[in-house]
C-alpha cells in the first residue's frame, strides 16, 4: 500500500491510537520503531506537501521511501530533512527549512541505541585518514580528484557547505562510513542502509560491505565469495530470511553467515550491535598484527590497546581519552569469545577452535618470518641514512608498503575468513616472492649506492633473517631431501624427467 498517496497521509495522522498501533503490530511486530508520538515527534503533518510534490518530481526516490518501513510507518520527508534556521546546512525550500544531509545525529532522534553503538566505532572514525599514508598517496601521488571519487566515497570526508546552505560539489554526494558532518557527528547511516529504502535486508548482504571492503589491500568481499560461507550463501540466498526483524543466526537462518552475521547480528547468545569492531580480536591492518583490547569511555568513544601494552582501569582518565573516563575494558580474549559465540550458533566447538588455531598460526608466520625483520631493517636504513625519513621517495619503501599493506593484509584476511587463494597465492606467496626477489635486492642496491659495497645489507640479513629457520633455504639452498621429494611426486604423475 501507499501510505501517503491519494490523501491517505491525513488518515494515518488522524488515527494515532488505533491505526498506527495496529500497523506496527501487524507488519513490524518485532522491529525497532521510532519513539514518541506520531504527529508530534514524527509524522510531521507538513510533510504531506513534500510527498505529493516529490511523487511528481522524484518518483524513483519517493517510491523507494514509500515502500520502506519508514514510509509504511508514517515517517516522512520532514521528519528526517527538517532543520533549524541558522544551522550551517539549512536552506529554505518551499517554505520549509531543510537540509540535504541527514546525519547520524538526525537518525538518533529515533534510533538512539544504534547511534550510540556506531558513534565511537571504527566505522564512524573512518574519515580520520587525513594524516595517514593512504591519504598522502591519494592526495599527492594521485590527486584530489581521485580522492573525491575514490577514498572519500568509502572513508568519508568533511562535507563543506556553500553560502546557499547546500553541500559543495567537491564534497557531495558522499556516503562514506566515516563522513564528517556539519553538525559535528561522524558517519553515514546510508553507507549501509541505502537511501531512501533504508533496507535492513540490503544492509545484511555481503555486497553492501563489498562496496568498500574490496581490492588489493582489504579484499574481504573477494575472500568471502571464495570461502565456503560465500559459496553456500549464493546457493541458498532464498533461505537467508534477510527481511526478518530478529534475524538470529541458527534460528532465523542457518545456511551461511554474511559479514553482518559475524560482526553485528544476533547469534549464539550475542545481541545485535552497530559497532562492527566489538568482536574483532586481531588487528589485521597494520604492518605487524597485534591482538587488541578495547577501552570504552564515558563520552561514547573508544580505542584499542595492543596486547602487552598497559591497560587502563575503569575510572581512569587515560591520556588518549582526552579527559574522558574509562567505563569498560574488554580484553582481546573476551572479544574473541563474542565472535566465537556467534560461530557456535552453527558450528561445533572443534571447528571454531581449529579455525582460530589456524588463523593465529598464519598471523604469527607473517609477523615473525617477514613483517618484523623487514620493518626492523627499514628502521635501520633510515637511522643510518641509507634512505630518507620522508615516505615514498625511495623505491624500497614502495616495496615494503605493498608487502604489508597489500599482500600481508590479503594473507591475514584470507586466513581469517577461510579464503585459501588469498591466504596463499595472493597472500603469503606474494609476500615471500617480493621479500626475496624485490626487497632484498633493493636493500643491497640502496646500501651499495651509498657505500660502494653490500656489507651493511649483508649484516642486516644476518642479524634479522638468518636466525629465522624459515629463511634457511635462502641462505643454504633447498635441501636435497625436499627437492627429491618434489621430483618423485612430479615423475610419478608426469613421467621421468618432468621436473628437469
Protein backbone atom coordinates (compact mmCIF):
# COMPACT_ATOMS: atom_id res chain seq x y z
CA UNK A 1 0.00 0.00 0.00
CA UNK A 2 1.00 3.64 -0.36
CA UNK A 3 0.61 5.41 2.93
CA UNK A 4 0.98 8.92 1.61
CA UNK A 5 -0.51 8.87 -1.86
CA UNK A 6 -4.11 9.74 -2.69
CA UNK A 7 -4.70 11.67 0.50
CA UNK A 8 -4.03 8.82 2.89
CA UNK A 9 -1.41 10.79 4.84
CA UNK A 10 -4.11 12.65 6.79
CA UNK A 11 -5.91 9.42 7.61
CA UNK A 12 -2.78 7.96 9.15
CA UNK A 13 -2.06 11.04 11.24
CA UNK A 14 -5.63 11.13 12.46
CA UNK A 15 -5.60 7.64 13.88
CA UNK A 16 -2.78 7.67 16.40
CA UNK A 17 -4.31 5.34 18.96
CA UNK A 18 -5.59 2.65 16.64
CA UNK A 19 -4.35 2.79 13.06
CA UNK A 20 -0.60 3.18 13.69
CA UNK A 21 -0.64 0.81 16.64
CA UNK A 22 -2.34 -1.83 14.52
CA UNK A 23 0.02 -1.17 11.62
CA UNK A 24 3.03 -1.75 13.88
CA UNK A 25 1.52 -4.88 15.37
CA UNK A 26 0.67 -6.44 12.06
CA UNK A 27 3.65 -5.55 9.88
CA UNK A 28 6.57 -4.74 12.19
CA UNK A 29 5.89 -6.70 15.34
CA UNK A 30 9.49 -7.03 16.45
CA UNK A 31 11.02 -4.11 14.55
CA UNK A 32 12.85 -1.18 16.06
CA UNK A 33 10.38 1.68 15.85
CA UNK A 34 10.59 5.42 16.41
CA UNK A 35 9.96 6.65 19.93
CA UNK A 36 7.47 9.40 20.71
CA UNK A 37 4.08 10.21 19.23
CA UNK A 38 3.11 10.26 15.58
CA UNK A 39 2.09 13.73 14.50
CA UNK A 40 4.10 15.26 17.35
CA UNK A 41 7.61 13.80 17.42
CA UNK A 42 7.48 12.44 13.88
CA UNK A 43 4.97 12.10 11.11
CA UNK A 44 5.16 15.88 10.54
CA UNK A 45 1.77 16.95 9.07
CA UNK A 46 3.50 19.46 6.80
CA UNK A 47 5.32 16.58 5.15
CA UNK A 48 2.21 15.74 3.14
CA UNK A 49 3.00 18.54 0.72
CA UNK A 50 6.57 17.21 0.30
CA UNK A 51 5.26 13.78 -0.58
CA UNK A 52 2.66 14.99 -3.06
CA UNK A 53 5.24 17.11 -4.88
CA UNK A 54 8.01 14.54 -4.90
CA UNK A 55 5.73 11.85 -6.30
CA UNK A 56 5.79 14.03 -9.44
CA UNK A 57 9.32 15.46 -9.29
CA UNK A 58 11.29 12.46 -7.97
CA UNK A 59 9.13 9.35 -8.43
CA UNK A 60 12.03 6.92 -8.06
CA UNK A 61 13.30 8.03 -4.68
CA UNK A 62 9.76 8.69 -3.44
CA UNK A 63 8.70 5.17 -4.35
CA UNK A 64 11.72 3.79 -2.51
CA UNK A 65 10.76 5.81 0.58
CA UNK A 66 7.10 4.82 0.27
CA UNK A 67 7.96 1.12 0.14
CA UNK A 68 10.30 1.37 3.11
CA UNK A 69 9.46 0.66 6.72
CA UNK A 70 9.74 4.41 7.28
CA UNK A 71 7.17 5.15 4.62
CA UNK A 72 4.79 2.45 5.76
CA UNK A 73 5.04 3.60 9.38
CA UNK A 74 4.31 7.28 8.83
CA UNK A 75 7.84 8.76 8.87
CA UNK A 76 8.00 11.37 6.10
CA UNK A 77 10.47 13.72 4.41
CA UNK A 78 10.36 16.50 7.01
CA UNK A 79 10.94 14.11 9.92
CA UNK A 80 14.42 13.46 8.54
CA UNK A 81 15.23 16.58 6.49
CA UNK A 82 13.73 19.40 8.59
CA UNK A 83 16.29 21.64 10.28
CA UNK A 84 16.58 24.86 12.24
CA UNK A 85 17.12 28.28 10.72
CA UNK A 86 20.70 29.25 11.44
CA UNK A 87 22.09 25.73 11.06
CA UNK A 88 25.12 25.65 8.79
CA UNK A 89 23.47 23.36 6.27
CA UNK A 90 19.97 24.84 6.41
CA UNK A 91 18.22 26.45 3.46
CA UNK A 92 14.63 27.34 2.64
CA UNK A 93 12.73 25.06 0.30
CA UNK A 94 9.05 25.56 -0.47
CA UNK A 95 8.53 27.41 2.80
CA UNK A 96 10.38 24.87 4.98
CA UNK A 97 13.88 24.99 6.41
CA UNK A 98 15.55 21.76 5.40
CA UNK A 99 18.96 20.15 4.97
CA UNK A 100 20.02 17.83 2.18
CA UNK A 101 22.23 15.88 4.59
CA UNK A 102 20.60 13.51 7.05
CA UNK A 103 23.28 12.78 9.65
CA UNK A 104 23.60 10.05 12.27
CA UNK A 105 22.66 12.68 14.84
CA UNK A 106 19.41 13.24 12.93
CA UNK A 107 18.75 9.49 12.85
CA UNK A 108 19.47 9.28 16.59
CA UNK A 109 16.22 11.11 17.33
CA UNK A 110 14.54 7.75 16.75
CA UNK A 111 17.44 5.29 16.67
CA UNK A 112 19.42 6.32 19.74
CA UNK A 113 20.81 2.86 20.59
CA UNK A 114 22.14 2.32 17.07
CA UNK A 115 23.65 5.81 17.10
CA UNK A 116 25.43 5.24 20.41
CA UNK A 117 26.87 1.92 19.23
CA UNK A 118 28.04 3.36 15.93
CA UNK A 119 29.30 6.70 17.26
CA UNK A 120 32.54 5.51 18.83
CA UNK A 121 33.26 2.67 16.43
CA UNK A 122 35.98 2.23 13.82
CA UNK A 123 33.37 2.79 11.14
CA UNK A 124 32.42 6.23 12.43
CA UNK A 125 36.11 7.17 12.62
CA UNK A 126 36.93 6.05 9.08
CA UNK A 127 37.02 9.66 7.88
CA UNK A 128 40.00 10.40 10.10
CA UNK A 129 42.53 9.49 7.43
CA UNK A 130 43.84 12.95 6.66
CA UNK A 131 47.17 12.27 8.38
CA UNK A 132 47.60 8.73 7.06
CA UNK A 133 49.99 7.35 4.46
CA UNK A 134 46.96 6.19 2.47
CA UNK A 135 45.71 9.76 2.23
CA UNK A 136 49.19 11.05 1.36
CA UNK A 137 49.29 8.66 -1.58
CA UNK A 138 45.85 9.73 -2.71
CA UNK A 139 46.24 13.49 -2.37
CA UNK A 140 49.86 13.86 -3.53
CA UNK A 141 50.80 10.89 -5.68
CA UNK A 142 47.33 10.52 -7.15
CA UNK A 143 45.45 13.80 -6.93
CA UNK A 144 42.45 15.39 -5.17
CA UNK A 145 40.02 14.45 -7.94
CA UNK A 146 40.88 10.78 -7.46
CA UNK A 147 40.47 11.10 -3.70
CA UNK A 148 36.99 12.63 -4.10
CA UNK A 149 35.62 9.75 -6.16
CA UNK A 150 37.76 7.08 -4.52
CA UNK A 151 38.97 7.28 -0.93
CA UNK A 152 36.24 9.60 0.35
CA UNK A 153 33.38 7.56 -1.04
CA UNK A 154 34.27 4.80 1.40
CA UNK A 155 36.07 6.54 4.26
CA UNK A 156 34.04 9.72 4.14
CA UNK A 157 35.38 13.24 4.45
CA UNK A 158 34.35 16.64 5.77
CA UNK A 159 31.27 17.93 3.96
CA UNK A 160 31.69 21.60 3.14
CA UNK A 161 28.62 23.83 2.96
CA UNK A 162 28.29 26.70 0.49
CA UNK A 163 26.74 30.09 1.14
CA UNK A 164 23.40 28.74 -0.09
CA UNK A 165 23.31 26.17 2.73
CA UNK A 166 23.86 23.29 0.34
CA UNK A 167 26.90 20.96 0.27
CA UNK A 168 29.57 21.79 -2.29
CA UNK A 169 30.10 19.65 -5.37
CA UNK A 170 33.61 18.67 -4.26
CA UNK A 171 32.31 17.12 -1.05
CA UNK A 172 28.85 15.86 -2.04
CA UNK A 173 27.46 13.31 -2.76
CA UNK A 174 29.28 11.30 -0.10
CA UNK A 175 28.01 8.30 1.83
CA UNK A 176 31.42 7.37 3.26
CA UNK A 177 31.03 5.43 6.50
CA UNK A 178 33.09 7.97 8.47
CA UNK A 179 31.74 11.14 6.90
CA UNK A 180 32.38 14.33 8.91
CA UNK A 181 29.03 16.10 9.04
CA UNK A 182 28.22 19.80 9.50
CA UNK A 183 26.52 19.12 12.85
CA UNK A 184 29.70 17.58 14.27
CA UNK A 185 28.60 13.97 14.03
CA UNK A 186 30.69 11.33 12.28
CA UNK A 187 29.37 8.65 9.99
CA UNK A 188 26.69 7.95 7.47
CA UNK A 189 23.84 5.52 8.09
CA UNK A 190 23.17 5.44 4.36
CA UNK A 191 26.59 3.88 3.75
CA UNK A 192 24.93 0.59 4.67
CA UNK A 193 21.19 1.40 4.53
CA UNK A 194 20.87 2.93 1.08
CA UNK A 195 18.57 5.92 0.64
CA UNK A 196 15.58 6.07 0.59
CA UNK A 197 14.60 2.46 1.30
CA UNK A 198 16.93 2.07 4.32
CA UNK A 199 16.56 -1.68 3.94
CA UNK A 200 17.79 -3.93 6.72
CA UNK A 201 17.92 -6.81 4.22
CA UNK A 202 20.21 -4.82 1.95
CA UNK A 203 22.50 -3.92 4.86
CA UNK A 204 22.80 -7.60 5.75
CA UNK A 205 24.08 -8.70 2.35
CA UNK A 206 27.83 -9.11 1.81
CA UNK A 207 27.59 -6.95 -1.32
CA UNK A 208 26.85 -3.91 0.84
CA UNK A 209 30.10 -4.36 2.76
CA UNK A 210 31.85 -5.20 -0.51
CA UNK A 211 31.47 -1.64 -1.78
CA UNK A 212 34.42 -0.67 0.42
CA UNK A 213 35.93 -3.90 1.71
CA UNK A 214 37.32 -4.79 -1.70
CA UNK A 215 40.56 -4.53 -3.64
CA UNK A 216 44.27 -5.19 -3.16
CA UNK A 217 44.60 -4.04 0.45
CA UNK A 218 41.31 -5.17 2.01
CA UNK A 219 39.70 -7.82 -0.23
CA UNK A 220 37.16 -9.09 2.28
CA UNK A 221 34.38 -9.45 -0.29
CA UNK A 222 36.59 -11.45 -2.64
CA UNK A 223 37.75 -13.63 0.25
CA UNK A 224 34.15 -14.16 1.38
CA UNK A 225 32.99 -15.05 -2.12
CA UNK A 226 35.58 -17.83 -2.47
CA UNK A 227 35.02 -19.15 1.07
CA UNK A 228 32.62 -21.98 1.85
CA UNK A 229 30.42 -19.42 3.61
CA UNK A 230 30.16 -17.29 0.47
CA UNK A 231 29.57 -20.25 -1.81
CA UNK A 232 26.70 -21.54 0.30
CA UNK A 233 25.22 -18.07 0.71
CA UNK A 234 24.94 -17.65 -3.07
CA UNK A 235 23.40 -21.08 -3.47
CA UNK A 236 20.95 -20.69 -0.58
CA UNK A 237 20.24 -16.94 -0.54
CA UNK A 238 16.50 -17.66 -0.70
CA UNK A 239 16.80 -19.39 2.67
CA UNK A 240 18.56 -16.47 4.39
CA UNK A 241 15.37 -14.79 5.66
CA UNK A 242 17.03 -11.39 5.19
CA UNK A 243 13.85 -9.42 5.91
CA UNK A 244 13.47 -10.91 9.39
CA UNK A 245 13.33 -8.35 12.18
CA UNK A 246 15.18 -10.51 14.70
CA UNK A 247 17.46 -12.31 12.20
CA UNK A 248 19.19 -14.57 14.70
CA UNK A 249 21.87 -16.90 13.37
CA UNK A 250 20.97 -20.56 13.82
CA UNK A 251 17.34 -19.66 14.44
CA UNK A 252 16.02 -17.44 11.63
CA UNK A 253 18.55 -18.85 9.16
CA UNK A 254 21.32 -21.44 9.16
CA UNK A 255 22.58 -21.80 5.59
CA UNK A 256 25.52 -19.41 5.86
CA UNK A 257 26.63 -16.21 7.57
CA UNK A 258 27.17 -12.84 5.94
CA UNK A 259 29.52 -10.09 7.17
CA UNK A 260 26.71 -8.72 9.32
CA UNK A 261 26.12 -12.11 10.92
CA UNK A 262 29.60 -12.35 12.38
CA UNK A 263 30.25 -8.70 13.17
CA UNK A 264 26.87 -7.25 14.09
CA UNK A 265 23.90 -9.57 14.34
CA UNK A 266 22.17 -11.79 16.91
CA UNK A 267 23.57 -15.25 17.35
CA UNK A 268 24.90 -17.68 19.94
CA UNK A 269 23.60 -15.56 22.77
CA UNK A 270 25.24 -12.39 21.47
CA UNK A 271 22.95 -9.42 20.97
CA UNK A 272 22.99 -7.34 17.81
CA UNK A 273 25.25 -4.29 17.68
CA UNK A 274 26.09 -1.49 15.26
CA UNK A 275 29.70 -1.48 16.46
CA UNK A 276 31.41 -3.71 13.91
CA UNK A 277 34.66 -3.87 15.88
CA UNK A 278 33.27 -5.35 19.09
CA UNK A 279 34.08 -8.96 18.16
CA UNK A 280 37.47 -8.40 16.49
CA UNK A 281 40.46 -9.77 18.44
CA UNK A 282 43.27 -9.31 15.87
CA UNK A 283 44.39 -6.10 14.19
CA UNK A 284 44.98 -7.38 10.66
CA UNK A 285 45.57 -3.96 9.06
CA UNK A 286 48.88 -2.70 10.43
CA UNK A 287 52.39 -3.71 9.29
CA UNK A 288 52.62 -6.07 12.28
CA UNK A 289 49.44 -7.60 13.74
CA UNK A 290 48.58 -7.41 17.43
CA UNK A 291 45.77 -8.84 19.47
CA UNK A 292 43.69 -5.88 20.64
CA UNK A 293 41.89 -4.97 23.85
CA UNK A 294 39.07 -2.43 23.79
CA UNK A 295 38.70 0.58 26.09
CA UNK A 296 35.34 2.38 26.23
CA UNK A 297 34.95 5.93 27.56
CA UNK A 298 32.08 7.82 29.15
CA UNK A 299 31.88 10.19 26.17
CA UNK A 300 30.84 7.34 23.87
CA UNK A 301 34.26 7.00 22.25
CA UNK A 302 36.61 4.02 22.38
CA UNK A 303 40.10 2.94 21.40
CA UNK A 304 42.15 -0.24 21.05
CA UNK A 305 45.15 -1.17 23.18
CA UNK A 306 47.51 -3.82 21.71
CA UNK A 307 48.23 -6.90 23.79
CA UNK A 308 51.19 -6.33 26.08
CA UNK A 309 50.64 -2.58 26.43
CA UNK A 310 49.42 -1.18 29.78
CA UNK A 311 45.63 -1.28 30.08
CA UNK A 312 43.77 1.47 31.93
CA UNK A 313 41.22 0.52 34.55
CA UNK A 314 37.59 1.52 34.91
CA UNK A 315 37.55 5.00 36.41
CA UNK A 316 40.91 6.03 34.92
CA UNK A 317 41.30 9.06 32.68
CA UNK A 318 43.79 7.87 30.05
CA UNK A 319 45.78 10.38 28.04
CA UNK A 320 44.28 9.07 24.81
CA UNK A 321 40.81 9.72 26.23
CA UNK A 322 41.37 13.49 26.32
CA UNK A 323 39.76 13.93 29.71
CA UNK A 324 37.13 11.18 29.38
CA UNK A 325 36.76 8.40 31.93
CA UNK A 326 37.07 4.68 31.25
CA UNK A 327 33.75 2.89 31.75
CA UNK A 328 34.62 -0.55 30.35
CA UNK A 329 37.65 -2.62 29.35
CA UNK A 330 37.10 -5.60 27.06
CA UNK A 331 40.09 -7.91 26.61
CA UNK A 332 41.01 -9.47 23.29
CA UNK A 333 40.04 -12.86 24.72
CA UNK A 334 36.58 -11.56 25.59
CA UNK A 335 36.20 -10.04 22.12
CA UNK A 336 37.22 -13.34 20.56
CA UNK A 337 34.76 -15.12 22.81
CA UNK A 338 31.94 -12.94 21.49
CA UNK A 339 32.81 -13.82 17.90
CA UNK A 340 33.14 -17.50 18.75
CA UNK A 341 29.70 -17.46 20.38
CA UNK A 342 28.25 -16.46 17.01
CA UNK A 343 30.27 -19.17 15.25
CA UNK A 344 28.93 -21.74 17.71
CA UNK A 345 25.37 -20.94 16.68
CA UNK A 346 26.04 -23.03 13.57
CA UNK A 347 29.39 -24.82 14.10
CA UNK A 348 30.80 -27.35 16.54
CA UNK A 349 33.40 -26.30 19.10
CA UNK A 350 36.17 -28.27 17.36
CA UNK A 351 35.58 -26.39 14.10
CA UNK A 352 35.65 -23.00 15.81
CA UNK A 353 38.77 -23.70 17.86
CA UNK A 354 40.52 -25.28 14.88
CA UNK A 355 39.80 -22.24 12.71
CA UNK A 356 41.24 -19.81 15.24
CA UNK A 357 44.28 -22.05 15.74
CA UNK A 358 44.99 -21.95 12.01
CA UNK A 359 44.39 -18.19 11.85
CA UNK A 360 46.75 -17.49 14.74
CA UNK A 361 49.46 -19.64 13.15
CA UNK A 362 49.22 -17.77 9.84
CA UNK A 363 49.36 -14.36 11.51
CA UNK A 364 52.35 -15.45 13.60
CA UNK A 365 54.08 -16.73 10.45
CA UNK A 366 53.54 -13.42 8.66
CA UNK A 367 54.62 -11.40 11.71
CA UNK A 368 57.72 -13.31 12.69
CA UNK A 369 59.13 -14.52 9.37
CA UNK A 370 58.50 -11.44 7.27
CA UNK A 371 57.00 -8.32 8.87
CA UNK A 372 59.14 -7.89 11.99
CA UNK A 373 62.51 -8.44 10.30
CA UNK A 374 61.67 -6.24 7.30
CA UNK A 375 60.31 -3.44 9.49
CA UNK A 376 63.45 -3.61 11.64
CA UNK A 377 65.69 -3.37 8.59
CA UNK A 378 63.71 -0.38 7.27
CA UNK A 379 64.25 1.35 10.61
CA UNK A 380 67.98 0.71 10.47
CA UNK A 381 68.20 2.00 6.90
CA UNK A 382 66.60 5.29 7.96
CA UNK A 383 68.69 5.58 11.10
CA UNK A 384 71.92 5.03 9.15
CA UNK A 385 70.90 7.46 6.37
CA UNK A 386 70.58 4.95 3.54
CA UNK A 387 67.04 6.16 2.89
CA UNK A 388 65.34 9.39 3.91
CA UNK A 389 62.76 9.79 6.66
CA UNK A 390 60.22 11.02 4.10
CA UNK A 391 57.78 8.36 2.87
CA UNK A 392 57.64 7.07 -0.71
CA UNK A 393 60.76 8.79 -2.05
CA UNK A 394 62.78 5.56 -2.09
CA UNK A 395 61.84 2.56 -4.20
CA UNK A 396 62.33 0.14 -1.32
CA UNK A 397 59.63 1.97 0.67
CA UNK A 398 57.06 1.19 -2.03
CA UNK A 399 58.10 -2.46 -1.95
CA UNK A 400 57.71 -2.68 1.85
CA UNK A 401 54.40 -0.80 1.63
CA UNK A 402 52.93 -3.35 -0.78
CA UNK A 403 54.31 -6.31 1.17
CA UNK A 404 52.42 -5.34 4.34
CA UNK A 405 49.65 -3.05 3.09
CA UNK A 406 48.54 -5.25 0.20
CA UNK A 407 49.97 -8.75 0.28
CA UNK A 408 50.27 -9.13 4.04
CA UNK A 409 46.74 -7.90 4.60
CA UNK A 410 45.42 -10.25 1.94
CA UNK A 411 47.12 -13.20 3.60
CA UNK A 412 45.81 -12.35 7.05
CA UNK A 413 42.27 -11.62 5.92
CA UNK A 414 42.30 -14.72 3.75
CA UNK A 415 43.10 -16.84 6.79
CA UNK A 416 40.58 -15.06 9.00
CA UNK A 417 37.70 -15.61 6.57
CA UNK A 418 38.71 -19.02 5.17
CA UNK A 419 39.72 -17.89 1.69
CA UNK A 420 42.59 -20.23 0.71
CA UNK A 421 43.60 -18.47 -2.51
CA UNK A 422 44.00 -15.14 -0.71
CA UNK A 423 45.79 -16.72 2.24
CA UNK A 424 48.38 -18.30 -0.07
CA UNK A 425 48.66 -17.28 -3.75
CA UNK A 426 47.54 -13.67 -3.29
CA UNK A 427 48.93 -13.58 0.23
CA UNK A 428 51.97 -15.33 1.70
CA UNK A 429 53.22 -16.39 -1.75
CA UNK A 430 53.38 -12.76 -2.86
CA UNK A 431 54.84 -11.68 0.49
CA UNK A 432 57.62 -14.25 0.12
CA UNK A 433 58.24 -13.63 -3.59
CA UNK A 434 58.60 -9.90 -3.14
CA UNK A 435 60.65 -10.25 0.02
CA UNK A 436 63.26 -12.42 -1.70
CA UNK A 437 63.10 -11.08 -5.27
CA UNK A 438 62.41 -7.37 -4.67
CA UNK A 439 63.06 -6.26 -1.10
CA UNK A 440 66.42 -7.98 -0.58
CA UNK A 441 67.86 -6.91 -3.98
CA UNK A 442 66.67 -3.34 -3.34
CA UNK A 443 68.20 -3.44 0.15
CA UNK A 444 71.56 -4.32 -1.38
CA UNK A 445 71.10 -1.67 -4.07
CA UNK A 446 70.45 1.27 -1.68
CA UNK A 447 73.39 0.21 0.52
CA UNK A 448 75.80 -0.22 -2.39
CA UNK A 449 74.75 3.13 -3.83
CA UNK A 450 75.97 4.87 -0.66
CA UNK A 451 78.85 2.64 0.46
CA UNK A 452 80.08 1.13 -2.78
CA UNK A 453 79.61 -2.32 -1.26
CA UNK A 454 76.88 -4.53 0.23
CA UNK A 455 78.37 -5.14 3.67
CA UNK A 456 75.67 -3.26 5.61
CA UNK A 457 72.94 -5.11 3.71
CA UNK A 458 74.57 -8.47 4.41
CA UNK A 459 74.88 -7.54 8.09
CA UNK A 460 71.17 -6.70 8.24
CA UNK A 461 70.23 -10.02 6.66
CA UNK A 462 72.50 -11.89 9.05
CA UNK A 463 71.01 -10.02 12.01
CA UNK A 464 67.31 -10.22 11.15
CA UNK A 465 66.81 -13.01 8.59
CA UNK A 466 69.38 -15.73 9.21
CA UNK A 467 68.27 -16.59 12.78
CA UNK A 468 64.80 -17.49 11.46
CA UNK A 469 64.54 -21.14 10.40
CA UNK A 470 62.08 -20.28 7.66
CA UNK A 471 64.78 -18.34 5.79
CA UNK A 472 67.37 -21.13 5.90
CA UNK A 473 66.58 -22.19 2.33
CA UNK A 474 67.54 -18.69 1.10
CA UNK A 475 70.98 -18.79 2.70
CA UNK A 476 71.78 -22.50 2.32
CA UNK A 477 69.64 -23.55 -0.65
CA UNK A 478 66.86 -26.12 -0.82
CA UNK A 479 67.73 -29.40 0.90
CA UNK A 480 68.35 -32.47 -1.27
CA UNK A 481 65.58 -34.29 0.62
CA UNK A 482 63.00 -31.62 -0.18
CA UNK A 483 63.93 -31.49 -3.86
CA UNK A 484 63.98 -35.29 -4.22
CA UNK A 485 60.53 -35.48 -2.64
CA UNK A 486 59.11 -32.99 -5.14
CA UNK A 487 60.89 -34.68 -8.05
CA UNK A 488 59.45 -38.08 -7.13
CA UNK A 489 55.94 -36.64 -6.94
CA UNK A 490 56.25 -34.99 -10.36
CA UNK A 491 57.73 -38.06 -12.00
CA UNK A 492 55.10 -40.36 -10.52
CA UNK A 493 52.43 -38.17 -12.06
CA UNK A 494 54.02 -36.85 -15.27
CA UNK A 495 56.88 -39.22 -16.07
CA UNK A 496 60.63 -39.34 -15.56
CA UNK A 497 62.48 -36.08 -16.15
CA UNK A 498 59.33 -33.96 -15.90
CA UNK A 499 60.85 -31.66 -13.26
CA UNK A 500 64.16 -31.14 -15.11
